């Protein structure tokens, strides 16, 4: 599944276009390497996403095409959340 689509379906980022912009700015990495919006996401991958002043590290648990709002958080586990180091 594409990175931007996963971020939208999991509701980590509300819109797919916003997910694409963040990826194009180099603020998302998959397993330690910078990623584009079109990068493939697999179960078990570790994503690091920089949101403003914090960095969120998650592990992908499952990939599904359609998810209800209540079940979106079951697609990933949050590993750590920390402030951006300056």
PDB file of N, CA and C in Angstrom:
ATOM      1  N   UNK A   1       0.851  -1.175   0.000  1.00  0.00           N
ATOM      2  CA  UNK A   1       0.000   0.000   0.000  1.00  0.00           C
ATOM      3  C   UNK A   1       0.895   1.237   0.000  1.00  0.00           C
ATOM      4  N   UNK A   2       0.476   2.258  -0.727  1.00  0.00           N
ATOM      5  CA  UNK A   2       1.238   3.509  -0.778  1.00  0.00           C
ATOM      6  C   UNK A   2       1.272   4.181   0.591  1.00  0.00           C
ATOM      7  N   UNK A   3       2.369   4.856   0.861  1.00  0.00           N
ATOM      8  CA  UNK A   3       2.550   5.545   2.137  1.00  0.00           C
ATOM      9  C   UNK A   3       1.460   6.585   2.390  1.00  0.00           C
ATOM     10  N   UNK A   4       1.187   7.429   1.399  1.00  0.00           N
ATOM     11  CA  UNK A   4       0.182   8.482   1.608  1.00  0.00           C
ATOM     12  C   UNK A   4      -1.207   7.898   1.867  1.00  0.00           C
ATOM     13  N   UNK A   5      -1.541   6.809   1.198  1.00  0.00           N
ATOM     14  CA  UNK A   5      -2.845   6.172   1.413  1.00  0.00           C
ATOM     15  C   UNK A   5      -2.924   5.553   2.815  1.00  0.00           C
ATOM     16  N   UNK A   6      -1.852   4.907   3.265  1.00  0.00           N
ATOM     17  CA  UNK A   6      -1.846   4.329   4.607  1.00  0.00           C
ATOM     18  C   UNK A   6      -2.041   5.404   5.677  1.00  0.00           C
ATOM     19  N   UNK A   7      -1.354   6.528   5.530  1.00  0.00           N
ATOM     20  CA  UNK A   7      -1.462   7.603   6.516  1.00  0.00           C
ATOM     21  C   UNK A   7      -2.876   8.167   6.583  1.00  0.00           C
ATOM     22  N   UNK A   8      -3.547   8.226   5.435  1.00  0.00           N
ATOM     23  CA  UNK A   8      -4.926   8.718   5.421  1.00  0.00           C
ATOM     24  C   UNK A   8      -5.878   7.697   6.036  1.00  0.00           C
ATOM     25  N   UNK A   9      -5.775   6.438   5.626  1.00  0.00           N
ATOM     26  CA  UNK A   9      -6.676   5.392   6.124  1.00  0.00           C
ATOM     27  C   UNK A   9      -6.501   5.188   7.628  1.00  0.00           C
ATOM     28  N   UNK A  10      -5.261   5.258   8.108  1.00  0.00           N
ATOM     29  CA  UNK A  10      -5.000   5.082   9.541  1.00  0.00           C
ATOM     30  C   UNK A  10      -5.349   6.333  10.341  1.00  0.00           C
ATOM     31  N   UNK A  11      -5.679   7.405   9.629  1.00  0.00           N
ATOM     32  CA  UNK A  11      -6.058   8.686  10.231  1.00  0.00           C
ATOM     33  C   UNK A  11      -4.927   9.329  11.038  1.00  0.00           C
ATOM     34  N   UNK A  12      -3.685   9.002  10.693  1.00  0.00           N
ATOM     35  CA  UNK A  12      -2.548   9.712  11.282  1.00  0.00           C
ATOM     36  C   UNK A  12      -2.462  11.112  10.674  1.00  0.00           C
ATOM     37  N   UNK A  13      -2.821  11.205   9.384  1.00  0.00           N
ATOM     38  CA  UNK A  13      -2.901  12.486   8.682  1.00  0.00           C
ATOM     39  C   UNK A  13      -4.257  12.514   7.987  1.00  0.00           C
ATOM     40  N   UNK A  14      -4.973  13.625   8.119  1.00  0.00           N
ATOM     41  CA  UNK A  14      -6.363  13.670   7.691  1.00  0.00           C
ATOM     42  C   UNK A  14      -6.583  13.578   6.191  1.00  0.00           C
ATOM     43  N   UNK A  15      -5.700  14.216   5.395  1.00  0.00           N
ATOM     44  CA  UNK A  15      -5.913  14.218   3.953  1.00  0.00           C
ATOM     45  C   UNK A  15      -4.716  13.614   3.226  1.00  0.00           C
ATOM     46  N   UNK A  16      -4.988  12.913   2.149  1.00  0.00           N
ATOM     47  CA  UNK A  16      -3.933  12.259   1.387  1.00  0.00           C
ATOM     48  C   UNK A  16      -2.988  13.279   0.756  1.00  0.00           C
ATOM     49  N   UNK A  17      -3.534  14.412   0.323  1.00  0.00           N
ATOM     50  CA  UNK A  17      -2.675  15.443  -0.269  1.00  0.00           C
ATOM     51  C   UNK A  17      -1.710  16.012   0.774  1.00  0.00           C
ATOM     52  N   UNK A  18      -2.171  16.149   1.994  1.00  0.00           N
ATOM     53  CA  UNK A  18      -1.294  16.626   3.072  1.00  0.00           C
ATOM     54  C   UNK A  18      -0.218  15.585   3.380  1.00  0.00           C
ATOM     55  N   UNK A  19      -0.585  14.314   3.369  1.00  0.00           N
ATOM     56  CA  UNK A  19       0.389  13.237   3.579  1.00  0.00           C
ATOM     57  C   UNK A  19       1.462  13.271   2.486  1.00  0.00           C
ATOM     58  N   UNK A  20       1.044  13.532   1.258  1.00  0.00           N
ATOM     59  CA  UNK A  20       1.985  13.616   0.141  1.00  0.00           C
ATOM     60  C   UNK A  20       2.943  14.788   0.333  1.00  0.00           C
ATOM     61  N   UNK A  21       2.422  15.938   0.744  1.00  0.00           N
ATOM     62  CA  UNK A  21       3.276  17.109   0.969  1.00  0.00           C
ATOM     63  C   UNK A  21       4.313  16.848   2.060  1.00  0.00           C
ATOM     64  N   UNK A  22       3.890  16.246   3.150  1.00  0.00           N
ATOM     65  CA  UNK A  22       4.805  15.953   4.256  1.00  0.00           C
ATOM     66  C   UNK A  22       5.895  14.979   3.806  1.00  0.00           C
ATOM     67  N   UNK A  23       5.508  13.961   3.041  1.00  0.00           N
ATOM     68  CA  UNK A  23       6.490  12.991   2.538  1.00  0.00           C
ATOM     69  C   UNK A  23       7.469  13.665   1.581  1.00  0.00           C
ATOM     70  N   UNK A  24       6.960  14.547   0.710  1.00  0.00           N
ATOM     71  CA  UNK A  24       7.823  15.239  -0.255  1.00  0.00           C
ATOM     72  C   UNK A  24       8.809  16.182   0.426  1.00  0.00           C
ATOM     73  N   UNK A  25       8.476  16.645   1.637  1.00  0.00           N
ATOM     74  CA  UNK A  25       9.378  17.505   2.394  1.00  0.00           C
ATOM     75  C   UNK A  25      10.445  16.701   3.136  1.00  0.00           C
ATOM     76  N   UNK A  26      10.393  15.372   3.046  1.00  0.00           N
ATOM     77  CA  UNK A  26      11.393  14.523   3.690  1.00  0.00           C
ATOM     78  C   UNK A  26      11.161  14.346   5.174  1.00  0.00           C
ATOM     79  N   UNK A  27       9.917  14.498   5.634  1.00  0.00           N
ATOM     80  CA  UNK A  27       9.618  14.408   7.060  1.00  0.00           C
ATOM     81  C   UNK A  27       9.106  13.036   7.473  1.00  0.00           C
ATOM     82  N   UNK A  28       9.116  12.068   6.537  1.00  0.00           N
ATOM     83  CA  UNK A  28       8.677  10.703   6.851  1.00  0.00           C
ATOM     84  C   UNK A  28       9.757   9.734   6.405  1.00  0.00           C
ATOM     85  N   UNK A  29      10.082   8.781   7.277  1.00  0.00           N
ATOM     86  CA  UNK A  29      11.028   7.738   6.884  1.00  0.00           C
ATOM     87  C   UNK A  29      10.431   6.373   7.217  1.00  0.00           C
ATOM     88  N   UNK A  30      10.744   5.406   6.355  1.00  0.00           N
ATOM     89  CA  UNK A  30      10.326   4.023   6.552  1.00  0.00           C
ATOM     90  C   UNK A  30      11.570   3.207   6.834  1.00  0.00           C
ATOM     91  N   UNK A  31      11.603   2.560   7.992  1.00  0.00           N
ATOM     92  CA  UNK A  31      12.747   1.748   8.408  1.00  0.00           C
ATOM     93  C   UNK A  31      14.072   2.502   8.285  1.00  0.00           C
ATOM     94  N   UNK A  32      14.048   3.798   8.626  1.00  0.00           N
ATOM     95  CA  UNK A  32      15.275   4.587   8.661  1.00  0.00           C
ATOM     96  C   UNK A  32      15.664   5.288   7.381  1.00  0.00           C
ATOM     97  N   UNK A  33      14.944   5.068   6.274  1.00  0.00           N
ATOM     98  CA  UNK A  33      15.298   5.758   5.038  1.00  0.00           C
ATOM     99  C   UNK A  33      14.169   6.701   4.623  1.00  0.00           C
ATOM    100  N   UNK A  34      14.552   7.883   4.141  1.00  0.00           N
ATOM    101  CA  UNK A  34      13.568   8.885   3.718  1.00  0.00           C
ATOM    102  C   UNK A  34      12.661   8.290   2.651  1.00  0.00           C
ATOM    103  N   UNK A  35      11.385   8.666   2.704  1.00  0.00           N
ATOM    104  CA  UNK A  35      10.408   8.045   1.819  1.00  0.00           C
ATOM    105  C   UNK A  35       9.588   9.066   1.058  1.00  0.00           C
ATOM    106  N   UNK A  36       9.142   8.654  -0.114  1.00  0.00           N
ATOM    107  CA  UNK A  36       8.234   9.456  -0.919  1.00  0.00           C
ATOM    108  C   UNK A  36       6.809   8.989  -0.645  1.00  0.00           C
ATOM    109  N   UNK A  37       5.840   9.755  -1.112  1.00  0.00           N
ATOM    110  CA  UNK A  37       4.428   9.412  -0.920  1.00  0.00           C
ATOM    111  C   UNK A  37       4.083   8.095  -1.615  1.00  0.00           C
ATOM    112  N   UNK A  38       4.803   7.763  -2.673  1.00  0.00           N
ATOM    113  CA  UNK A  38       4.509   6.551  -3.429  1.00  0.00           C
ATOM    114  C   UNK A  38       5.230   5.314  -2.888  1.00  0.00           C
ATOM    115  N   UNK A  39       6.022   5.472  -1.826  1.00  0.00           N
ATOM    116  CA  UNK A  39       6.747   4.338  -1.251  1.00  0.00           C
ATOM    117  C   UNK A  39       5.773   3.289  -0.728  1.00  0.00           C
ATOM    118  N   UNK A  40       6.160   2.028  -0.833  1.00  0.00           N
ATOM    119  CA  UNK A  40       5.318   0.942  -0.344  1.00  0.00           C
ATOM    120  C   UNK A  40       5.497   0.758   1.153  1.00  0.00           C
ATOM    121  N   UNK A  41       4.372   0.540   1.834  1.00  0.00           N
ATOM    122  CA  UNK A  41       4.363   0.261   3.269  1.00  0.00           C
ATOM    123  C   UNK A  41       3.943  -1.192   3.440  1.00  0.00           C
ATOM    124  N   UNK A  42       4.662  -1.927   4.287  1.00  0.00           N
ATOM    125  CA  UNK A  42       4.351  -3.331   4.555  1.00  0.00           C
ATOM    126  C   UNK A  42       4.119  -3.534   6.041  1.00  0.00           C
ATOM    127  N   UNK A  43       3.466  -4.620   6.392  1.00  0.00           N
ATOM    128  CA  UNK A  43       3.264  -4.953   7.801  1.00  0.00           C
ATOM    129  C   UNK A  43       4.625  -5.160   8.444  1.00  0.00           C
ATOM    130  N   UNK A  44       4.839  -4.569   9.614  1.00  0.00           N
ATOM    131  CA  UNK A  44       6.110  -4.677  10.321  1.00  0.00           C
ATOM    132  C   UNK A  44       7.039  -3.505  10.084  1.00  0.00           C
ATOM    133  N   UNK A  45       6.734  -2.646   9.111  1.00  0.00           N
ATOM    134  CA  UNK A  45       7.572  -1.470   8.854  1.00  0.00           C
ATOM    135  C   UNK A  45       7.484  -0.483  10.012  1.00  0.00           C
ATOM    136  N   UNK A  46       8.584   0.230  10.241  1.00  0.00           N
ATOM    137  CA  UNK A  46       8.612   1.270  11.266  1.00  0.00           C
ATOM    138  C   UNK A  46       8.636   2.627  10.569  1.00  0.00           C
ATOM    139  N   UNK A  47       7.645   3.457  10.862  1.00  0.00           N
ATOM    140  CA  UNK A  47       7.545   4.784  10.264  1.00  0.00           C
ATOM    141  C   UNK A  47       7.908   5.847  11.295  1.00  0.00           C
ATOM    142  N   UNK A  48       8.725   6.804  10.885  1.00  0.00           N
ATOM    143  CA  UNK A  48       9.010   7.974  11.726  1.00  0.00           C
ATOM    144  C   UNK A  48       8.440   9.179  11.002  1.00  0.00           C
ATOM    145  N   UNK A  49       7.510   9.867  11.668  1.00  0.00           N
ATOM    146  CA  UNK A  49       6.818  10.999  11.066  1.00  0.00           C
ATOM    147  C   UNK A  49       7.073  12.240  11.915  1.00  0.00           C
ATOM    148  N   UNK A  50       7.550  13.304  11.270  1.00  0.00           N
ATOM    149  CA  UNK A  50       7.789  14.550  11.991  1.00  0.00           C
ATOM    150  C   UNK A  50       6.585  15.472  11.813  1.00  0.00           C
ATOM    151  N   UNK A  51       5.889  15.712  12.930  1.00  0.00           N
ATOM    152  CA  UNK A  51       4.759  16.646  12.964  1.00  0.00           C
ATOM    153  C   UNK A  51       5.222  17.882  13.703  1.00  0.00           C
ATOM    154  N   UNK A  52       5.413  18.991  13.033  1.00  0.00           N
ATOM    155  CA  UNK A  52       5.777  20.234  13.718  1.00  0.00           C
ATOM    156  C   UNK A  52       6.896  20.052  14.723  1.00  0.00           C
ATOM    157  N   UNK A  53       6.553  20.059  16.019  1.00  0.00           N
ATOM    158  CA  UNK A  53       7.559  19.986  17.068  1.00  0.00           C
ATOM    159  C   UNK A  53       7.684  18.612  17.712  1.00  0.00           C
ATOM    160  N   UNK A  54       7.117  17.558  17.102  1.00  0.00           N
ATOM    161  CA  UNK A  54       7.272  16.219  17.666  1.00  0.00           C
ATOM    162  C   UNK A  54       7.534  15.193  16.569  1.00  0.00           C
ATOM    163  N   UNK A  55       8.166  14.103  16.973  1.00  0.00           N
ATOM    164  CA  UNK A  55       8.436  12.990  16.067  1.00  0.00           C
ATOM    165  C   UNK A  55       7.694  11.777  16.600  1.00  0.00           C
ATOM    166  N   UNK A  56       6.891  11.165  15.746  1.00  0.00           N
ATOM    167  CA  UNK A  56       6.094  10.004  16.118  1.00  0.00           C
ATOM    168  C   UNK A  56       6.675   8.774  15.422  1.00  0.00           C
ATOM    169  N   UNK A  57       6.977   7.738  16.183  1.00  0.00           N
ATOM    170  CA  UNK A  57       7.480   6.485  15.629  1.00  0.00           C
ATOM    171  C   UNK A  57       6.405   5.429  15.822  1.00  0.00           C
ATOM    172  N   UNK A  58       5.991   4.802  14.711  1.00  0.00           N
ATOM    173  CA  UNK A  58       4.944   3.779  14.777  1.00  0.00           C
ATOM    174  C   UNK A  58       5.405   2.517  14.058  1.00  0.00           C
ATOM    175  N   UNK A  59       4.752   1.406  14.388  1.00  0.00           N
ATOM    176  CA  UNK A  59       4.971   0.151  13.674  1.00  0.00           C
ATOM    177  C   UNK A  59       3.668  -0.229  12.998  1.00  0.00           C
ATOM    178  N   UNK A  60       3.729  -0.561  11.713  1.00  0.00           N
ATOM    179  CA  UNK A  60       2.542  -0.941  10.942  1.00  0.00           C
ATOM    180  C   UNK A  60       2.115  -2.342  11.365  1.00  0.00           C
ATOM    181  N   UNK A  61       0.867  -2.480  11.810  1.00  0.00           N
ATOM    182  CA  UNK A  61       0.332  -3.774  12.267  1.00  0.00           C
ATOM    183  C   UNK A  61      -0.476  -4.485  11.197  1.00  0.00           C
ATOM    184  N   UNK A  62      -1.263  -3.740  10.414  1.00  0.00           N
ATOM    185  CA  UNK A  62      -2.034  -4.364   9.340  1.00  0.00           C
ATOM    186  C   UNK A  62      -2.348  -3.328   8.273  1.00  0.00           C
ATOM    187  N   UNK A  63      -2.663  -3.820   7.089  1.00  0.00           N
ATOM    188  CA  UNK A  63      -3.008  -2.973   5.954  1.00  0.00           C
ATOM    189  C   UNK A  63      -4.405  -3.364   5.478  1.00  0.00           C
ATOM    190  N   UNK A  64      -5.300  -2.395   5.429  1.00  0.00           N
ATOM    191  CA  UNK A  64      -6.652  -2.652   4.945  1.00  0.00           C
ATOM    192  C   UNK A  64      -7.084  -1.474   4.077  1.00  0.00           C
ATOM    193  N   UNK A  65      -7.939  -1.756   3.107  1.00  0.00           N
ATOM    194  CA  UNK A  65      -8.392  -0.716   2.188  1.00  0.00           C
ATOM    195  C   UNK A  65      -9.405   0.224   2.827  1.00  0.00           C
ATOM    196  N   UNK A  66     -10.310  -0.320   3.640  1.00  0.00           N
ATOM    197  CA  UNK A  66     -11.347   0.490   4.279  1.00  0.00           C
ATOM    198  C   UNK A  66     -11.377   0.188   5.765  1.00  0.00           C
ATOM    199  N   UNK A  67     -11.412   1.242   6.571  1.00  0.00           N
ATOM    200  CA  UNK A  67     -11.415   1.083   8.022  1.00  0.00           C
ATOM    201  C   UNK A  67     -12.389   2.099   8.603  1.00  0.00           C
ATOM    202  N   UNK A  68     -13.168   1.660   9.579  1.00  0.00           N
ATOM    203  CA  UNK A  68     -14.038   2.596  10.282  1.00  0.00           C
ATOM    204  C   UNK A  68     -13.182   3.460  11.203  1.00  0.00           C
ATOM    205  N   UNK A  69     -13.712   4.622  11.530  1.00  0.00           N
ATOM    206  CA  UNK A  69     -12.974   5.575  12.364  1.00  0.00           C
ATOM    207  C   UNK A  69     -12.522   4.947  13.683  1.00  0.00           C
ATOM    208  N   UNK A  70     -13.388   4.169  14.307  1.00  0.00           N
ATOM    209  CA  UNK A  70     -13.068   3.549  15.597  1.00  0.00           C
ATOM    210  C   UNK A  70     -11.934   2.538  15.496  1.00  0.00           C
ATOM    211  N   UNK A  71     -11.788   1.915  14.318  1.00  0.00           N
ATOM    212  CA  UNK A  71     -10.800   0.841  14.145  1.00  0.00           C
ATOM    213  C   UNK A  71      -9.485   1.319  13.533  1.00  0.00           C
ATOM    214  N   UNK A  72      -9.386   2.595  13.182  1.00  0.00           N
ATOM    215  CA  UNK A  72      -8.195   3.108  12.492  1.00  0.00           C
ATOM    216  C   UNK A  72      -6.926   2.908  13.322  1.00  0.00           C
ATOM    217  N   UNK A  73      -7.024   3.064  14.635  1.00  0.00           N
ATOM    218  CA  UNK A  73      -5.839   2.950  15.496  1.00  0.00           C
ATOM    219  C   UNK A  73      -5.332   1.512  15.590  1.00  0.00           C
ATOM    220  N   UNK A  74      -6.111   0.533  15.131  1.00  0.00           N
ATOM    221  CA  UNK A  74      -5.653  -0.857  15.180  1.00  0.00           C
ATOM    222  C   UNK A  74      -4.663  -1.171  14.054  1.00  0.00           C
ATOM    223  N   UNK A  75      -4.488  -0.261  13.117  1.00  0.00           N
ATOM    224  CA  UNK A  75      -3.571  -0.489  11.999  1.00  0.00           C
ATOM    225  C   UNK A  75      -2.108  -0.279  12.382  1.00  0.00           C
ATOM    226  N   UNK A  76      -1.863   0.348  13.530  1.00  0.00           N
ATOM    227  CA  UNK A  76      -0.480   0.655  13.934  1.00  0.00           C
ATOM    228  C   UNK A  76      -0.353   0.661  15.444  1.00  0.00           C
ATOM    229  N   UNK A  77       0.902   0.535  15.911  1.00  0.00           N
ATOM    230  CA  UNK A  77       1.238   0.685  17.324  1.00  0.00           C
ATOM    231  C   UNK A  77       2.200   1.858  17.447  1.00  0.00           C
ATOM    232  N   UNK A  78       1.957   2.729  18.411  1.00  0.00           N
ATOM    233  CA  UNK A  78       2.869   3.843  18.646  1.00  0.00           C
ATOM    234  C   UNK A  78       4.043   3.327  19.481  1.00  0.00           C
ATOM    235  N   UNK A  79       5.240   3.446  18.946  1.00  0.00           N
ATOM    236  CA  UNK A  79       6.448   3.003  19.646  1.00  0.00           C
ATOM    237  C   UNK A  79       6.975   4.081  20.576  1.00  0.00           C
ATOM    238  N   UNK A  80       7.072   5.321  20.031  1.00  0.00           N
ATOM    239  CA  UNK A  80       7.491   6.435  20.870  1.00  0.00           C
ATOM    240  C   UNK A  80       7.064   7.751  20.245  1.00  0.00           C
ATOM    241  N   UNK A  81       6.955   8.733  21.106  1.00  0.00           N
ATOM    242  CA  UNK A  81       6.588  10.084  20.697  1.00  0.00           C
ATOM    243  C   UNK A  81       7.514  11.012  21.456  1.00  0.00           C
ATOM    244  N   UNK A  82       8.293  11.810  20.721  1.00  0.00           N
ATOM    245  CA  UNK A  82       9.284  12.652  21.381  1.00  0.00           C
ATOM    246  C   UNK A  82       9.363  14.015  20.693  1.00  0.00           C
ATOM    247  N   UNK A  83       9.818  15.032  21.425  1.00  0.00           N
ATOM    248  CA  UNK A  83       9.966  16.360  20.814  1.00  0.00           C
ATOM    249  C   UNK A  83      11.105  16.365  19.804  1.00  0.00           C
ATOM    250  N   UNK A  84      11.021  17.284  18.846  1.00  0.00           N
ATOM    251  CA  UNK A  84      12.069  17.415  17.827  1.00  0.00           C
ATOM    252  C   UNK A  84      13.338  17.913  18.481  1.00  0.00           C
ATOM    253  N   UNK A  85      14.462  17.260  18.170  1.00  0.00           N
ATOM    254  CA  UNK A  85      15.760  17.693  18.710  1.00  0.00           C
ATOM    255  C   UNK A  85      16.285  18.842  17.879  1.00  0.00           C
ATOM    256  N   UNK A  86      16.661  19.905  18.539  1.00  0.00           N
ATOM    257  CA  UNK A  86      17.190  21.072  17.809  1.00  0.00           C
ATOM    258  C   UNK A  86      18.634  21.298  18.143  1.00  0.00           C
TER     259      UNK A  86
END
